[in-house]
Amino acid sequence: MFGRETSKQLVQETRQPQPAQPGAVLDYDYEYQRNGVINIFMLLAPQEG
């Protein structure tokens, strides 16, 4: 049995992307609102079926 742990930021966009001109991609702003952090735990036991 072995385990793994990681953490991820919870972020939210603060502005809507600007409409793109023909032939261009959407223009995103780099500003975001931080909504905390989560921890993800995973345990694996491949021999136990």
C-alpha atoms as a PDB file:
ATOM      1  CA  MET A   1       0.000   0.000   0.000  1.00  0.00           C
ATOM      2  CA  PHE A   2       1.280   3.456  -0.769  1.00  0.00           C
ATOM      3  CA  GLY A   3      -0.189   6.939  -0.694  1.00  0.00           C
ATOM      4  CA  ARG A   4       0.108  10.255  -2.396  1.00  0.00           C
ATOM      5  CA  GLU A   5      -0.732  13.780  -1.272  1.00  0.00           C
ATOM      6  CA  THR A   6      -1.056  17.053  -3.196  1.00  0.00           C
ATOM      7  CA  SER A   7      -2.601  20.472  -2.690  1.00  0.00           C
ATOM      8  CA  LYS A   8      -4.415  22.669  -5.207  1.00  0.00           C
ATOM      9  CA  GLN A   9      -5.419  26.333  -5.144  1.00  0.00           C
ATOM     10  CA  LEU A  10      -9.086  27.176  -5.619  1.00  0.00           C
ATOM     11  CA  VAL A  11      -9.268  30.252  -7.856  1.00  0.00           C
ATOM     12  CA  GLN A  12     -12.089  32.168  -9.524  1.00  0.00           C
ATOM     13  CA  GLU A  13     -11.943  34.460 -12.532  1.00  0.00           C
ATOM     14  CA  THR A  14     -12.698  38.082 -11.604  1.00  0.00           C
ATOM     15  CA  ARG A  15     -13.462  39.338 -15.120  1.00  0.00           C
ATOM     16  CA  GLN A  16     -15.124  37.897 -18.205  1.00  0.00           C
ATOM     17  CA  PRO A  17     -12.849  37.316 -21.224  1.00  0.00           C
ATOM     18  CA  GLN A  18     -12.969  40.040 -23.861  1.00  0.00           C
ATOM     19  CA  PRO A  19     -14.553  39.104 -27.207  1.00  0.00           C
ATOM     20  CA  ALA A  20     -11.959  38.134 -29.781  1.00  0.00           C
ATOM     21  CA  GLN A  21     -11.445  39.867 -33.103  1.00  0.00           C
ATOM     22  CA  PRO A  22     -11.908  37.622 -36.161  1.00  0.00           C
ATOM     23  CA  GLY A  23      -8.905  35.280 -36.412  1.00  0.00           C
ATOM     24  CA  ALA A  24      -7.723  35.912 -32.818  1.00  0.00           C
ATOM     25  CA  VAL A  25      -8.109  34.025 -29.529  1.00  0.00           C
ATOM     26  CA  LEU A  26      -9.989  35.227 -26.429  1.00  0.00           C
ATOM     27  CA  ASP A  27      -8.191  37.825 -24.336  1.00  0.00           C
ATOM     28  CA  TYR A  28      -8.013  36.636 -20.698  1.00  0.00           C
ATOM     29  CA  ASP A  29      -6.997  38.806 -17.762  1.00  0.00           C
ATOM     30  CA  TYR A  30      -4.442  37.346 -15.336  1.00  0.00           C
ATOM     31  CA  GLU A  31      -6.277  38.667 -12.266  1.00  0.00           C
ATOM     32  CA  TYR A  32      -8.040  36.066 -10.114  1.00  0.00           C
ATOM     33  CA  GLN A  33      -9.639  35.719  -6.709  1.00  0.00           C
ATOM     34  CA  ARG A  34      -8.155  33.138  -4.379  1.00  0.00           C
ATOM     35  CA  ASN A  35     -10.746  30.918  -2.695  1.00  0.00           C
ATOM     36  CA  GLY A  36      -8.483  28.817  -0.489  1.00  0.00           C
ATOM     37  CA  VAL A  37      -6.526  25.586  -0.844  1.00  0.00           C
ATOM     38  CA  ILE A  38      -7.619  21.941  -0.784  1.00  0.00           C
ATOM     39  CA  ASN A  39      -5.569  18.857   0.066  1.00  0.00           C
ATOM     40  CA  ILE A  40      -6.066  15.704  -1.981  1.00  0.00           C
ATOM     41  CA  PHE A  41      -5.092  12.331  -0.484  1.00  0.00           C
ATOM     42  CA  MET A  42      -4.988   9.049  -2.412  1.00  0.00           C
ATOM     43  CA  LEU A  43      -4.165   5.589  -1.054  1.00  0.00           C
ATOM     44  CA  LEU A  44      -3.450   2.661  -3.372  1.00  0.00           C
ATOM     45  CA  ALA A  45      -3.310  -1.028  -2.542  1.00  0.00           C
ATOM     46  CA  PRO A  46      -2.944  -2.849  -5.902  1.00  0.00           C
ATOM     47  CA  GLN A  47      -2.205  -6.267  -4.344  1.00  0.00           C
ATOM     48  CA  GLU A  48      -5.456  -6.233  -2.319  1.00  0.00           C
ATOM     49  CA  GLY A  49      -7.691  -6.261  -5.398  1.00  0.00           C
END
